[in-house]
Amino acid sequence: MPFSPPPATLAYWKQRPGTAATPADVAMLEARLGLKAPASYVEFMTTFGNVEFDDEINSRFEYVYEGGAGRERRSQLISFIKSPQKAIRYWEGLQSDPKIHLPAHLVPFGMDYGQGELLIEFGQPTERIYYWDFDTYDWESGVTRIGFVVDDLVEFINTLKPYED
């Protein structure tokens, strides 16, 4: 399925275009991680690049926490998608923090309006996207709780919803 951002989102990106990644940018990220980039990520980054969002366009995503209390559904706004260079810097920072326990194959590719990270699987047979809410992280327990968002970046972009106050 191709990327189908809503017309308002495309118009916004034309006013404030991101910088499309080159194959060399993606190769640098893969080499530093030692993991292959998911196809949906490569397609998005080489087509649209590091784009911004606004609450006036479709920028709300939903995520689900699975746990002892059952399923907990929440929503959040995406602020921007990072360049490969920023993604590797954030990944290195998260991996070097002894209080944060995120699997090394989850790469931070986007952020909310706080410090929450959108994470995509690299080097896996799947391309799932997860959300880690830095702002509500339990620093005392050391348990890093992530919520499932969608199966790939195409589905992520195509299912973004308008912000509802």
Protein backbone atom coordinates (compact mmCIF):
# COMPACT_ATOMS: atom_id res chain seq x y z
CA MET A 1 0.00 0.00 0.00
CA PRO A 2 1.44 3.43 -0.90
CA PHE A 3 1.74 6.41 1.41
CA SER A 4 -1.46 8.45 1.28
CA PRO A 5 -1.09 11.45 3.57
CA PRO A 6 -4.27 13.54 3.74
CA PRO A 7 -4.34 16.54 1.36
CA ALA A 8 -4.01 19.02 4.25
CA THR A 9 -0.88 17.22 5.45
CA LEU A 10 0.67 17.24 1.97
CA ALA A 11 -0.13 20.94 1.61
CA TYR A 12 1.50 21.64 4.97
CA TRP A 13 4.62 19.69 3.94
CA LYS A 14 4.81 21.70 0.69
CA GLN A 15 4.83 24.93 2.73
CA ARG A 16 7.44 23.52 5.12
CA PRO A 17 9.26 20.81 3.21
CA GLY A 18 11.56 18.41 4.94
CA THR A 19 14.86 17.28 3.52
CA ALA A 20 14.60 13.93 1.78
CA ALA A 21 17.18 11.38 2.86
CA THR A 22 19.63 10.04 0.31
CA PRO A 23 20.53 6.37 -0.08
CA ALA A 24 23.87 7.32 1.56
CA ASP A 25 22.01 8.72 4.60
CA VAL A 26 20.10 5.46 5.00
CA ALA A 27 23.27 3.40 4.45
CA MET A 28 25.04 5.43 7.18
CA LEU A 29 22.19 4.73 9.62
CA GLU A 30 22.17 1.02 8.79
CA ALA A 31 25.96 0.80 9.15
CA ARG A 32 25.98 2.56 12.54
CA LEU A 33 23.16 0.37 13.83
CA GLY A 34 24.36 -2.83 12.20
CA LEU A 35 20.72 -3.39 11.22
CA LYS A 36 18.77 -3.16 7.96
CA ALA A 37 16.24 -0.33 7.69
CA PRO A 38 12.61 -1.34 7.13
CA ALA A 39 11.33 -0.76 3.58
CA SER A 40 8.55 1.60 4.69
CA TYR A 41 11.07 3.79 6.53
CA VAL A 42 13.42 3.95 3.52
CA GLU A 43 10.54 4.83 1.19
CA PHE A 44 9.21 7.55 3.47
CA MET A 45 12.58 9.12 4.20
CA THR A 46 13.70 9.17 0.56
CA THR A 47 10.32 10.55 -0.56
CA PHE A 48 9.29 13.01 2.18
CA GLY A 49 12.25 13.22 4.56
CA ASN A 50 12.30 14.82 7.99
CA VAL A 51 8.91 16.51 8.00
CA GLU A 52 7.06 18.51 10.65
CA PHE A 53 3.46 18.19 11.74
CA ASP A 54 1.01 20.67 13.21
CA ASP A 55 -2.10 20.11 15.29
CA GLU A 56 -4.11 21.72 12.48
CA ILE A 57 -3.38 18.76 10.20
CA ASN A 58 -3.78 15.03 10.78
CA SER A 59 -1.15 14.40 13.39
CA ARG A 60 -2.78 12.26 16.10
CA PHE A 61 -1.89 8.60 16.46
CA GLU A 62 -3.21 5.96 18.82
CA TYR A 63 -1.19 3.44 20.77
CA VAL A 64 -2.00 0.54 23.08
CA TYR A 65 -0.36 -0.65 26.27
CA GLU A 66 -0.80 -4.36 26.99
CA GLY A 67 -0.44 -5.39 30.58
CA GLY A 68 -1.82 -6.94 33.73
CA ALA A 69 -4.70 -4.47 33.74
CA GLY A 70 -5.65 -5.39 30.15
CA ARG A 71 -5.47 -3.10 27.15
CA GLU A 72 -5.07 0.60 27.68
CA ARG A 73 -5.66 2.75 24.56
CA ARG A 74 -4.26 6.28 24.39
CA SER A 75 -3.49 8.90 21.77
CA GLN A 76 -0.72 11.42 21.18
CA LEU A 77 0.32 14.01 18.59
CA ILE A 78 3.38 13.62 16.40
CA SER A 79 5.51 16.74 16.10
CA PHE A 80 8.13 15.68 13.56
CA ILE A 81 9.98 12.85 11.86
CA LYS A 82 13.76 12.94 12.34
CA SER A 83 16.51 12.82 9.76
CA PRO A 84 18.64 9.64 9.82
CA GLN A 85 21.45 11.70 11.40
CA LYS A 86 19.20 12.78 14.28
CA ALA A 87 17.73 9.29 14.63
CA ILE A 88 21.18 7.78 15.21
CA ARG A 89 22.09 10.46 17.77
CA TYR A 90 18.86 9.82 19.71
CA TRP A 91 19.33 6.04 19.43
CA GLU A 92 22.86 6.29 20.81
CA GLY A 93 21.64 8.48 23.69
CA LEU A 94 18.85 6.10 24.61
CA GLN A 95 21.12 3.06 24.38
CA SER A 96 23.80 4.65 26.57
CA ASP A 97 21.40 5.61 29.39
CA PRO A 98 21.52 2.84 32.02
CA LYS A 99 18.07 3.79 33.33
CA ILE A 100 16.35 3.23 29.97
CA HIS A 101 15.82 -0.30 28.71
CA LEU A 102 14.77 -0.23 25.05
CA PRO A 103 15.65 -3.06 22.65
CA ALA A 104 18.53 -2.05 20.37
CA HIS A 105 16.46 -2.81 17.24
CA LEU A 106 13.96 -0.03 18.09
CA VAL A 107 15.10 3.19 16.43
CA PRO A 108 13.63 6.58 17.41
CA PHE A 109 12.38 8.09 14.14
CA GLY A 110 9.85 10.67 15.36
CA MET A 111 8.79 12.66 18.42
CA ASP A 112 5.68 14.00 20.03
CA TYR A 113 5.47 17.61 21.29
CA GLY A 114 7.18 16.65 24.56
CA GLN A 115 10.00 14.15 24.64
CA GLY A 116 8.05 11.01 23.72
CA GLU A 117 9.66 8.87 21.04
CA LEU A 118 8.17 7.00 18.12
CA LEU A 119 10.25 3.86 17.56
CA ILE A 120 10.44 1.64 14.46
CA GLU A 121 11.89 -1.86 14.21
CA PHE A 122 15.14 -2.18 12.27
CA GLY A 123 16.63 -5.52 11.22
CA GLN A 124 13.44 -7.47 11.96
CA PRO A 125 11.03 -9.39 9.72
CA THR A 126 8.36 -6.90 10.84
CA GLU A 127 8.36 -3.08 10.70
CA ARG A 128 6.21 -2.36 13.75
CA ILE A 129 6.05 1.05 15.33
CA TYR A 130 5.94 1.68 19.07
CA TYR A 131 5.64 4.73 21.31
CA TRP A 132 7.68 5.44 24.44
CA ASP A 133 6.34 8.26 26.62
CA PHE A 134 9.43 9.84 28.16
CA ASP A 135 7.30 12.36 30.06
CA THR A 136 5.56 9.63 32.10
CA TYR A 137 8.52 7.26 32.36
CA ASP A 138 8.87 5.64 35.80
CA TRP A 139 12.53 6.45 36.54
CA GLU A 140 12.37 4.71 39.93
CA SER A 141 11.28 1.26 38.71
CA GLY A 142 13.51 1.14 35.63
CA VAL A 143 10.70 -0.53 33.68
CA THR A 144 10.55 0.86 30.16
CA ARG A 145 6.93 0.59 29.04
CA ILE A 146 6.24 1.00 25.33
CA GLY A 147 2.90 1.05 23.54
CA PHE A 148 2.18 -0.62 20.21
CA VAL A 149 1.12 1.82 17.46
CA VAL A 150 0.84 0.07 14.05
CA ASP A 151 2.51 -2.52 11.82
CA ASP A 152 4.57 -0.17 9.60
CA LEU A 153 5.24 3.44 8.63
CA VAL A 154 2.79 3.37 5.72
CA GLU A 155 -0.04 2.43 8.07
CA PHE A 156 1.18 5.04 10.58
CA ILE A 157 1.04 7.91 8.08
CA ASN A 158 -2.18 6.72 6.45
CA THR A 159 -4.05 6.39 9.76
CA LEU A 160 -3.13 9.70 11.37
CA LYS A 161 -6.21 11.52 12.60
CA PRO A 162 -7.04 15.17 13.27
CA TYR A 163 -6.35 16.56 16.73
CA GLU A 164 -9.46 16.71 18.89
CA ASP A 165 -9.39 19.20 21.74
